[in-house]
C-alpha atoms as a PDB file:
ATOM      1  CA  ARG A   1      46.662 -24.854 -15.945  1.00  0.00           C
ATOM      2  CA  ALA A   2      49.154 -26.167 -14.458  1.00  0.00           C
ATOM      3  CA  CYS A   3      51.422 -29.448 -15.139  1.00  0.00           C
ATOM      4  CA  VAL A   4      50.897 -32.313 -12.849  1.00  0.00           C
ATOM      5  CA  GLY A   5      52.547 -35.247 -13.439  1.00  0.00           C
ATOM      6  CA  GLY A   6      52.541 -34.626 -17.231  1.00  0.00           C
ATOM      7  CA  THR A   7      48.893 -34.068 -17.362  1.00  0.00           C
ATOM      8  CA  HIS A   8      47.414 -30.570 -17.685  1.00  0.00           C
ATOM      9  CA  ALA A   9      44.802 -30.057 -15.061  1.00  0.00           C
ATOM     10  CA  THR A  10      42.928 -26.582 -14.570  1.00  0.00           C
ATOM     11  CA  VAL A  11      43.580 -25.020 -10.872  1.00  0.00           C
ATOM     12  CA  ALA A  12      41.436 -22.668  -9.242  1.00  0.00           C
ATOM     13  CA  MET A  13      43.734 -19.861  -8.901  1.00  0.00           C
ATOM     14  CA  ALA A  14      43.515 -17.266  -5.891  1.00  0.00           C
ATOM     15  CA  ASP A  15      42.209 -13.944  -5.863  1.00  0.00           C
ATOM     16  CA  GLN A  16      44.955 -11.690  -6.693  1.00  0.00           C
ATOM     17  CA  ASN A  17      43.756  -8.437  -5.719  1.00  0.00           C
ATOM     18  CA  GLU A  18      47.172  -7.258  -3.908  1.00  0.00           C
ATOM     19  CA  ARG A  19      50.133  -6.158  -5.487  1.00  0.00           C
ATOM     20  CA  ALA A  20      52.318  -8.744  -4.550  1.00  0.00           C
ATOM     21  CA  TYR A  21      51.638 -12.380  -5.898  1.00  0.00           C
ATOM     22  CA  GLN A  22      49.373 -13.978  -3.264  1.00  0.00           C
ATOM     23  CA  LYS A  23      49.989 -17.781  -2.454  1.00  0.00           C
ATOM     24  CA  GLN A  24      49.744 -19.849   0.528  1.00  0.00           C
ATOM     25  CA  LEU A  25      52.971 -21.037   2.275  1.00  0.00           C
ATOM     26  CA  GLY A  26      53.729 -24.800   1.535  1.00  0.00           C
ATOM     27  CA  VAL A  27      51.397 -24.885  -1.488  1.00  0.00           C
ATOM     28  CA  ASN A  28      53.200 -25.100  -4.869  1.00  0.00           C
ATOM     29  CA  ILE A  29      50.359 -25.217  -7.540  1.00  0.00           C
ATOM     30  CA  GLY A  30      51.474 -24.031 -11.032  1.00  0.00           C
ATOM     31  CA  PHE A  31      55.203 -23.776 -10.105  1.00  0.00           C
ATOM     32  CA  GLY A  32      57.826 -25.813 -11.750  1.00  0.00           C
ATOM     33  CA  LYS A  33      57.171 -29.311 -12.966  1.00  0.00           C
ATOM     34  CA  GLY A  34      54.852 -31.212 -10.955  1.00  0.00           C
ATOM     35  CA  GLY A  35      55.947 -34.293  -9.192  1.00  0.00           C
ATOM     36  CA  LYS A  36      54.695 -37.104  -7.097  1.00  0.00           C
ATOM     37  CA  LYS A  37      55.197 -34.693  -4.154  1.00  0.00           C
ATOM     38  CA  LYS A  38      51.438 -34.494  -2.153  1.00  0.00           C
ATOM     39  CA  THR A  39      51.073 -30.875  -1.066  1.00  0.00           C
ATOM     40  CA  PRO A  40      48.993 -30.082   2.103  1.00  0.00           C
ATOM     41  CA  GLY A  41      45.430 -29.486   2.034  1.00  0.00           C
ATOM     42  CA  LYS A  42      42.566 -31.769   0.811  1.00  0.00           C
ATOM     43  CA  HIS A  43      43.318 -33.205  -3.107  1.00  0.00           C
ATOM     44  CA  GLY A  44      46.688 -30.808  -2.751  1.00  0.00           C
ATOM     45  CA  GLN A  45      45.182 -27.796  -3.634  1.00  0.00           C
ATOM     46  CA  ARG A  46      44.651 -25.714  -0.760  1.00  0.00           C
ATOM     47  CA  PHE A  47      46.088 -25.663   2.896  1.00  0.00           C
ATOM     48  CA  TYR A  48      43.852 -25.929   5.993  1.00  0.00           C
ATOM     49  CA  LYS A  49      43.815 -26.494   9.299  1.00  0.00           C
ATOM     50  CA  SER A  50      41.996 -27.103  12.432  1.00  0.00           C
ATOM     51  CA  VAL A  51      42.602 -24.447  15.310  1.00  0.00           C
ATOM     52  CA  GLY A  52      41.381 -27.051  18.022  1.00  0.00           C
ATOM     53  CA  LEU A  53      39.902 -25.732  21.258  1.00  0.00           C
ATOM     54  CA  GLY A  54      36.064 -27.189  19.627  1.00  0.00           C
ATOM     55  CA  PHE A  55      35.961 -24.548  16.953  1.00  0.00           C
ATOM     56  CA  LYS A  56      35.337 -26.101  13.636  1.00  0.00           C
ATOM     57  CA  THR A  57      37.331 -25.028  10.111  1.00  0.00           C
ATOM     58  CA  PRO A  58      34.453 -22.931   8.172  1.00  0.00           C
ATOM     59  CA  ARG A  59      33.822 -24.596   4.946  1.00  0.00           C
ATOM     60  CA  SER A  60      34.279 -21.348   3.349  1.00  0.00           C
ATOM     61  CA  ALA A  61      38.072 -21.439   4.907  1.00  0.00           C
ATOM     62  CA  SER A  62      38.433 -25.509   3.078  1.00  0.00           C
ATOM     63  CA  GLU A  63      36.806 -24.519   0.086  1.00  0.00           C
ATOM     64  CA  GLY A  64      37.474 -20.807  -0.608  1.00  0.00           C
ATOM     65  CA  LYS A  65      39.901 -18.831  -2.704  1.00  0.00           C
ATOM     66  CA  TYR A  66      41.300 -16.175  -0.297  1.00  0.00           C
ATOM     67  CA  ILE A  67      44.804 -16.088   0.816  1.00  0.00           C
ATOM     68  CA  ASP A  68      45.293 -14.646   4.161  1.00  0.00           C
ATOM     69  CA  LYS A  69      48.380 -15.422   6.050  1.00  0.00           C
ATOM     70  CA  LYS A  70      46.827 -14.152   9.123  1.00  0.00           C
ATOM     71  CA  CYS A  71      43.933 -16.576   9.353  1.00  0.00           C
ATOM     72  CA  PRO A  72      43.987 -19.147  11.911  1.00  0.00           C
ATOM     73  CA  PHE A  73      42.350 -21.613   9.704  1.00  0.00           C
ATOM     74  CA  THR A  74      44.410 -20.995   6.401  1.00  0.00           C
ATOM     75  CA  GLY A  75      47.528 -18.879   7.516  1.00  0.00           C
ATOM     76  CA  ASP A  76      50.515 -19.348   9.853  1.00  0.00           C
ATOM     77  CA  VAL A  77      48.846 -18.257  12.867  1.00  0.00           C
ATOM     78  CA  SER A  78      48.049 -20.446  15.993  1.00  0.00           C
ATOM     79  CA  ILE A  79      45.607 -19.579  18.997  1.00  0.00           C
ATOM     80  CA  ARG A  80      46.346 -19.574  22.255  1.00  0.00           C
ATOM     81  CA  GLY A  81      46.077 -17.584  25.673  1.00  0.00           C
ATOM     82  CA  ARG A  82      42.684 -16.096  26.163  1.00  0.00           C
ATOM     83  CA  ILE A  83      39.553 -16.977  24.370  1.00  0.00           C
ATOM     84  CA  LEU A  84      36.989 -13.994  24.795  1.00  0.00           C
ATOM     85  CA  THR A  85      33.501 -12.718  23.628  1.00  0.00           C
ATOM     86  CA  GLY A  86      31.964  -9.643  22.514  1.00  0.00           C
ATOM     87  CA  PHE A  87      30.153  -7.456  20.156  1.00  0.00           C
ATOM     88  CA  VAL A  88      31.187  -5.811  16.674  1.00  0.00           C
ATOM     89  CA  LYS A  89      31.287  -2.331  17.058  1.00  0.00           C
ATOM     90  CA  SER A  90      33.274  -1.610  13.589  1.00  0.00           C
ATOM     91  CA  THR A  91      33.733  -2.863  10.780  1.00  0.00           C
ATOM     92  CA  LYS A  92      35.255  -0.194   8.803  1.00  0.00           C
ATOM     93  CA  MET A  93      39.100  -1.449   8.548  1.00  0.00           C
ATOM     94  CA  ASN A  94      40.344  -3.630   6.164  1.00  0.00           C
ATOM     95  CA  ARG A  95      40.110  -7.533   7.746  1.00  0.00           C
ATOM     96  CA  THR A  96      40.090  -6.387  11.093  1.00  0.00           C
ATOM     97  CA  VAL A  97      37.111  -5.428  13.323  1.00  0.00           C
ATOM     98  CA  VAL A  98      36.636  -3.773  16.800  1.00  0.00           C
ATOM     99  CA  VAL A  99      35.225  -5.729  19.504  1.00  0.00           C
ATOM    100  CA  ARG A 100      33.477  -4.242  22.424  1.00  0.00           C
ATOM    101  CA  ARG A 101      33.571  -6.016  25.720  1.00  0.00           C
ATOM    102  CA  ASP A 102      31.427  -5.081  28.450  1.00  0.00           C
ATOM    103  CA  TYR A 103      31.701  -5.794  32.348  1.00  0.00           C
ATOM    104  CA  LEU A 104      30.771  -4.759  35.606  1.00  0.00           C
ATOM    105  CA  HIS A 105      33.188  -3.095  38.282  1.00  0.00           C
ATOM    106  CA  TYR A 106      32.449  -3.113  41.632  1.00  0.00           C
ATOM    107  CA  ILE A 107      32.693   0.160  43.658  1.00  0.00           C
ATOM    108  CA  LYS A 108      33.320  -1.035  47.278  1.00  0.00           C
ATOM    109  CA  LYS A 109      32.388   2.417  49.121  1.00  0.00           C
ATOM    110  CA  TYR A 110      28.734   2.580  47.293  1.00  0.00           C
ATOM    111  CA  MET A 111      28.430  -1.566  47.353  1.00  0.00           C
ATOM    112  CA  ARG A 112      27.157  -1.256  43.771  1.00  0.00           C
ATOM    113  CA  TYR A 113      28.611  -1.984  40.334  1.00  0.00           C
ATOM    114  CA  GLU A 114      29.166   0.666  37.254  1.00  0.00           C
ATOM    115  CA  LYS A 115      29.089  -0.512  34.045  1.00  0.00           C
ATOM    116  CA  ARG A 116      32.413  -0.132  31.873  1.00  0.00           C
ATOM    117  CA  HIS A 117      33.736  -1.278  28.514  1.00  0.00           C
ATOM    118  CA  LYS A 118      37.099  -1.813  26.446  1.00  0.00           C
ATOM    119  CA  ASN A 119      37.287  -2.157  23.091  1.00  0.00           C
ATOM    120  CA  VAL A 120      39.633  -4.952  21.366  1.00  0.00           C
ATOM    121  CA  SER A 121      40.765  -5.288  17.760  1.00  0.00           C
ATOM    122  CA  ALA A 122      40.483  -8.445  16.081  1.00  0.00           C
ATOM    123  CA  HIS A 123      41.816  -9.984  12.766  1.00  0.00           C
ATOM    124  CA  ALA A 124      38.692 -10.731  10.731  1.00  0.00           C
ATOM    125  CA  SER A 125      39.323 -13.673   8.296  1.00  0.00           C
ATOM    126  CA  PRO A 126      37.754 -13.135   4.513  1.00  0.00           C
ATOM    127  CA  CYS A 127      35.854 -16.613   5.559  1.00  0.00           C
ATOM    128  CA  PHE A 128      33.563 -14.907   7.530  1.00  0.00           C
ATOM    129  CA  ARG A 129      30.852 -12.550   7.125  1.00  0.00           C
ATOM    130  CA  ILE A 130      30.609  -9.953   9.839  1.00  0.00           C
ATOM    131  CA  LYS A 131      28.485  -7.289  10.639  1.00  0.00           C
ATOM    132  CA  GLU A 132      28.316  -4.380  13.158  1.00  0.00           C
ATOM    133  CA  GLY A 133      26.107  -6.012  16.117  1.00  0.00           C
ATOM    134  CA  ASP A 134      27.332  -9.826  15.516  1.00  0.00           C
ATOM    135  CA  LYS A 135      28.116 -11.553  18.393  1.00  0.00           C
ATOM    136  CA  VAL A 136      31.777 -12.711  17.968  1.00  0.00           C
ATOM    137  CA  ILE A 137      34.301 -15.310  19.584  1.00  0.00           C
ATOM    138  CA  ILE A 138      37.941 -14.254  19.360  1.00  0.00           C
ATOM    139  CA  GLY A 139      41.399 -15.984  20.249  1.00  0.00           C
ATOM    140  CA  GLN A 140      44.618 -14.763  21.441  1.00  0.00           C
ATOM    141  CA  CYS A 141      47.292 -15.231  19.152  1.00  0.00           C
ATOM    142  CA  ARG A 142      50.815 -13.555  18.279  1.00  0.00           C
ATOM    143  CA  PRO A 143      50.717  -9.725  17.606  1.00  0.00           C
ATOM    144  CA  LEU A 144      49.566  -9.317  14.282  1.00  0.00           C
ATOM    145  CA  SER A 145      49.926  -5.570  14.281  1.00  0.00           C
ATOM    146  CA  LYS A 146      50.366  -2.867  16.307  1.00  0.00           C
ATOM    147  CA  THR A 147      47.026  -2.609  18.022  1.00  0.00           C
ATOM    148  CA  VAL A 148      46.084  -6.501  16.712  1.00  0.00           C
ATOM    149  CA  ARG A 149      46.633  -9.494  19.155  1.00  0.00           C
ATOM    150  CA  PHE A 150      43.303 -11.659  18.735  1.00  0.00           C
ATOM    151  CA  ASN A 151      41.914 -13.334  15.970  1.00  0.00           C
ATOM    152  CA  VAL A 152      38.083 -14.160  15.261  1.00  0.00           C
ATOM    153  CA  LEU A 153      37.237 -17.874  15.566  1.00  0.00           C
ATOM    154  CA  LYS A 154      33.358 -17.454  15.487  1.00  0.00           C
ATOM    155  CA  VAL A 155      30.603 -15.566  14.575  1.00  0.00           C
ATOM    156  CA  ILE A 156      26.903 -15.648  15.915  1.00  0.00           C
ATOM    157  CA  PRO A 157      24.897 -13.234  13.704  1.00  0.00           C
ATOM    158  CA  TYR A 158      22.743 -10.261  15.149  1.00  0.00           C
ATOM    159  CA  GLY A 159      19.403 -11.307  15.845  1.00  0.00           C
ATOM    160  CA  SER A 160      19.907 -15.515  16.248  1.00  0.00           C
ATOM    161  CA  GLY A 161      19.430 -15.543  19.911  1.00  0.00           C
ATOM    162  CA  GLY A 162      16.306 -17.765  19.771  1.00  0.00           C
ATOM    163  CA  SER A 163      13.156 -15.550  20.182  1.00  0.00           C
ATOM    164  CA  THR A 164      12.302 -12.623  18.475  1.00  0.00           C
ATOM    165  CA  LYS A 165      10.954 -10.996  21.279  1.00  0.00           C
ATOM    166  CA  LYS A 166      12.488  -8.061  23.381  1.00  0.00           C
ATOM    167  CA  SER A 167      14.377  -9.463  25.981  1.00  0.00           C
ATOM    168  CA  PHE A 168      17.053  -9.402  28.699  1.00  0.00           C
ATOM    169  CA  ALA A 169      20.460  -8.655  27.180  1.00  0.00           C
ATOM    170  CA  GLU A 170      23.675  -8.591  28.841  1.00  0.00           C
ATOM    171  CA  PHE A 171      23.522  -5.574  30.069  1.00  0.00           C
END
């Protein structure tokens, strides 16, 4: 319960499953006396934003209870630079996925192409349900850790490519 303007209101608290107290930057619910200050977010209870570039903010980001400072929708991370696509190779890390990007490299001597790939680590916000094999769109951001410089912006579930028949894939 939080005291807002002299009235007691029940506020949905965030999931506290870390050692440190989890709270969103700029949202002061349950701290001190409630004044007439308008806190950010819808109804003043949760901060969320649009990352722009034509990507919609997921409903689970605006209505969820998770706290993630590295989330592009609810945290302090801006998307700038490159926008890439790839397939999820591994989801074994905590809030991080490995994205495989396939491409063709031209060999001048043989006038042919060879298949190559690169793995990119990307931060996966809790607002997404990501499984191996899903196609994801990732956007570049500031360095979030030693190897992570991208953030997941959109997930296209595996098998939702239209028809269920076997068809030509990218490679």
